[in-house]
Amino acid sequence: MSYLPYLEKDNKVEDDCLAIRQELDSLLDGKLSIMKHKDDIIAKVEKLGKIAAKAADASHRKSLTIYDLRELLQKKYNEYDDLWHKAAERSGRINELTHEVSTLQAKADVQAEFIGLFKKCEPQKFAEVKQLQEHIQAQREEEQIQQSATRKKKSWGLE
């Protein structure tokens, strides 16, 4: 894109070259015309040489631009391939996790059904089990608090 302003100049160079060529054709009609317009012909040829140098420079800029664009395109293709492979890997992992979630959900459904039946058939036993579970959970929380306090003391160098 940085070479776009040169495109208009390149078109002007081509137009100038064509105009000078037409002028030279008319000046080179015959031997007498060549002798008569010798200085004009030399000036036109010199001007044509300058225009040819500009055209060569423009051609070089275009080839650099095309090379740069090809290089950028190859880089983008490589990035696309990398992203495609990552997406494929993640898709496989998503499928694995989806299957695992389905399996765990089925197990949870079976357990929920069992708990519902247990609660319905043995409400007294269910209440006892629930109390026991709450007691065990409270003990675990208390142990975690004690372990956390011990770790803090050790990290502070107090124990």
Protein backbone atom coordinates (compact mmCIF):
# COMPACT_ATOMS: atom_id res chain seq x y z
CA MET A 1 0.00 0.00 0.00
CA SER A 2 2.94 2.33 0.62
CA TYR A 3 3.79 2.20 -3.08
CA LEU A 4 0.32 3.23 -4.35
CA PRO A 5 1.25 6.93 -4.81
CA TYR A 6 3.94 5.78 -7.24
CA LEU A 7 1.37 4.14 -9.51
CA GLU A 8 0.14 7.50 -10.82
CA LYS A 9 3.74 8.59 -11.44
CA ASP A 10 4.44 5.30 -13.20
CA ASN A 11 1.50 5.86 -15.52
CA LYS A 12 2.81 9.38 -16.27
CA VAL A 13 6.26 7.94 -17.05
CA GLU A 14 4.71 5.55 -19.54
CA ASP A 15 2.74 8.37 -21.18
CA ASP A 16 5.88 10.58 -21.38
CA CYS A 17 7.84 7.71 -22.92
CA LEU A 18 5.17 7.15 -25.57
CA ALA A 19 5.02 10.89 -26.41
CA ILE A 20 8.82 11.13 -26.81
CA ARG A 21 8.86 8.02 -28.97
CA GLN A 22 6.24 9.53 -31.27
CA GLU A 23 8.23 12.77 -31.47
CA LEU A 24 11.41 10.82 -32.28
CA ASP A 25 9.59 8.85 -34.96
CA SER A 26 8.57 12.09 -36.64
CA LEU A 27 12.12 13.54 -36.32
CA LEU A 28 13.75 10.39 -37.72
CA ASP A 29 11.69 10.38 -40.93
CA GLY A 30 14.60 10.86 -43.28
CA LYS A 31 18.31 11.74 -43.50
CA LEU A 32 17.62 15.41 -44.02
CA SER A 33 15.27 15.53 -41.03
CA ILE A 34 17.87 13.79 -38.85
CA MET A 35 20.57 16.32 -39.82
CA LYS A 36 18.22 19.25 -39.35
CA HIS A 37 16.92 18.17 -35.91
CA LYS A 38 20.11 16.59 -34.57
CA ASP A 39 20.11 18.58 -31.30
CA ASP A 40 16.41 17.90 -30.67
CA ILE A 41 16.97 14.18 -31.28
CA ILE A 42 19.89 14.09 -28.81
CA ALA A 43 17.82 15.95 -26.17
CA LYS A 44 14.90 13.58 -26.71
CA VAL A 45 17.14 10.49 -26.44
CA GLU A 46 18.66 11.85 -23.19
CA LYS A 47 15.19 12.53 -21.85
CA LEU A 48 14.14 9.05 -22.90
CA GLY A 49 17.16 7.63 -21.00
CA LYS A 50 16.07 9.46 -17.83
CA ILE A 51 12.54 8.17 -18.25
CA ALA A 52 13.87 4.63 -18.76
CA ALA A 53 15.81 4.95 -15.48
CA LYS A 54 12.62 6.06 -13.71
CA ALA A 55 10.73 3.14 -15.24
CA ALA A 56 13.41 0.70 -14.07
CA ASP A 57 13.17 2.16 -10.55
CA ALA A 58 9.38 1.84 -10.65
CA SER A 59 9.67 -1.76 -11.82
CA HIS A 60 12.08 -2.48 -8.96
CA ARG A 61 9.65 -0.95 -6.43
CA LYS A 62 6.81 -3.07 -7.82
CA SER A 63 8.86 -6.24 -7.60
CA LEU A 64 9.77 -5.41 -4.00
CA THR A 65 6.12 -4.85 -3.21
CA ILE A 66 5.11 -8.15 -4.80
CA TYR A 67 7.92 -9.94 -2.94
CA ASP A 68 6.86 -8.35 0.35
CA LEU A 69 3.24 -9.30 -0.27
CA ARG A 70 4.18 -12.89 -1.09
CA GLU A 71 6.25 -13.05 2.08
CA LEU A 72 3.36 -11.65 4.12
CA LEU A 73 0.93 -14.08 2.47
CA GLN A 74 3.20 -17.03 3.34
CA LYS A 75 3.43 -15.80 6.93
CA LYS A 76 -0.37 -15.58 7.13
CA TYR A 77 -0.70 -19.10 5.66
CA ASN A 78 1.66 -20.39 8.36
CA GLU A 79 -0.31 -18.60 11.09
CA TYR A 80 -3.55 -20.03 9.67
CA ASP A 81 -2.09 -23.56 9.70
CA ASP A 82 -0.96 -23.15 13.31
CA LEU A 83 -4.37 -21.89 14.37
CA TRP A 84 -6.08 -24.70 12.45
CA HIS A 85 -3.99 -27.33 14.28
CA LYS A 86 -4.68 -25.70 17.65
CA ALA A 87 -8.40 -25.59 16.89
CA ALA A 88 -8.36 -29.27 15.91
CA GLU A 89 -6.56 -30.19 19.15
CA ARG A 90 -9.01 -28.16 21.21
CA SER A 91 -11.95 -29.68 19.38
CA GLY A 92 -10.69 -33.14 20.32
CA ARG A 93 -10.26 -32.07 23.93
CA ILE A 94 -13.77 -30.54 23.95
CA ASN A 95 -15.19 -33.84 22.69
CA GLU A 96 -13.36 -35.72 25.48
CA LEU A 97 -14.64 -33.31 28.13
CA THR A 98 -18.18 -33.46 26.74
CA HIS A 99 -18.10 -37.25 27.00
CA GLU A 100 -16.72 -37.03 30.54
CA VAL A 101 -19.44 -34.55 31.55
CA SER A 102 -22.10 -36.88 30.12
CA THR A 103 -20.69 -39.81 32.11
CA LEU A 104 -20.53 -37.78 35.34
CA GLN A 105 -24.05 -36.45 34.79
CA ALA A 106 -25.36 -40.01 34.38
CA LYS A 107 -23.66 -41.01 37.64
CA ALA A 108 -25.04 -37.94 39.41
CA ASP A 109 -28.54 -38.76 38.14
CA VAL A 110 -28.27 -42.32 39.51
CA GLN A 111 -27.07 -41.02 42.87
CA ALA A 112 -29.81 -38.38 43.02
CA GLU A 113 -32.40 -41.05 42.31
CA PHE A 114 -30.93 -43.26 45.05
CA ILE A 115 -30.94 -40.38 47.54
CA GLY A 116 -34.54 -39.56 46.65
CA LEU A 117 -35.62 -43.17 47.19
CA PHE A 118 -33.64 -43.39 50.43
CA LYS A 119 -35.21 -40.18 51.73
CA LYS A 120 -38.68 -41.43 50.80
CA CYS A 121 -38.30 -44.97 52.22
CA GLU A 122 -36.29 -44.21 55.35
CA PRO A 123 -36.81 -40.56 56.38
CA GLN A 124 -35.49 -41.20 59.94
CA LYS A 125 -32.30 -42.90 58.68
CA PHE A 126 -31.90 -40.17 56.05
CA ALA A 127 -31.98 -37.48 58.75
CA GLU A 128 -29.40 -39.40 60.83
CA VAL A 129 -27.09 -39.81 57.82
CA LYS A 130 -27.47 -36.14 56.96
CA GLN A 131 -26.54 -35.10 60.52
CA LEU A 132 -23.54 -37.41 60.44
CA GLN A 133 -22.47 -35.95 57.12
CA GLU A 134 -22.74 -32.37 58.45
CA HIS A 135 -20.71 -33.35 61.51
CA ILE A 136 -17.97 -34.90 59.33
CA GLN A 137 -17.93 -31.79 57.12
CA ALA A 138 -17.56 -29.52 60.17
CA GLN A 139 -14.64 -31.64 61.43
CA ARG A 140 -12.90 -31.39 58.04
CA GLU A 141 -13.30 -27.62 58.00
CA GLU A 142 -11.88 -27.38 61.52
CA GLU A 143 -8.89 -29.53 60.54
CA GLN A 144 -8.26 -27.33 57.49
CA ILE A 145 -8.34 -24.21 59.65
CA GLN A 146 -5.83 -25.76 62.06
CA GLN A 147 -3.55 -26.85 59.24
CA SER A 148 -3.75 -23.41 57.69
CA ALA A 149 -2.82 -21.77 61.00
CA THR A 150 0.11 -24.18 61.42
CA ARG A 151 1.36 -23.43 57.89
CA LYS A 152 1.15 -19.70 58.54
CA LYS A 153 3.14 -20.04 61.77
CA LYS A 154 5.80 -22.09 59.99
CA SER A 155 6.02 -19.62 57.14
CA TRP A 156 6.42 -16.77 59.63
CA GLY A 157 9.07 -18.75 61.53
CA LEU A 158 7.02 -18.96 64.72
CA GLU A 159 7.08 -22.75 65.03
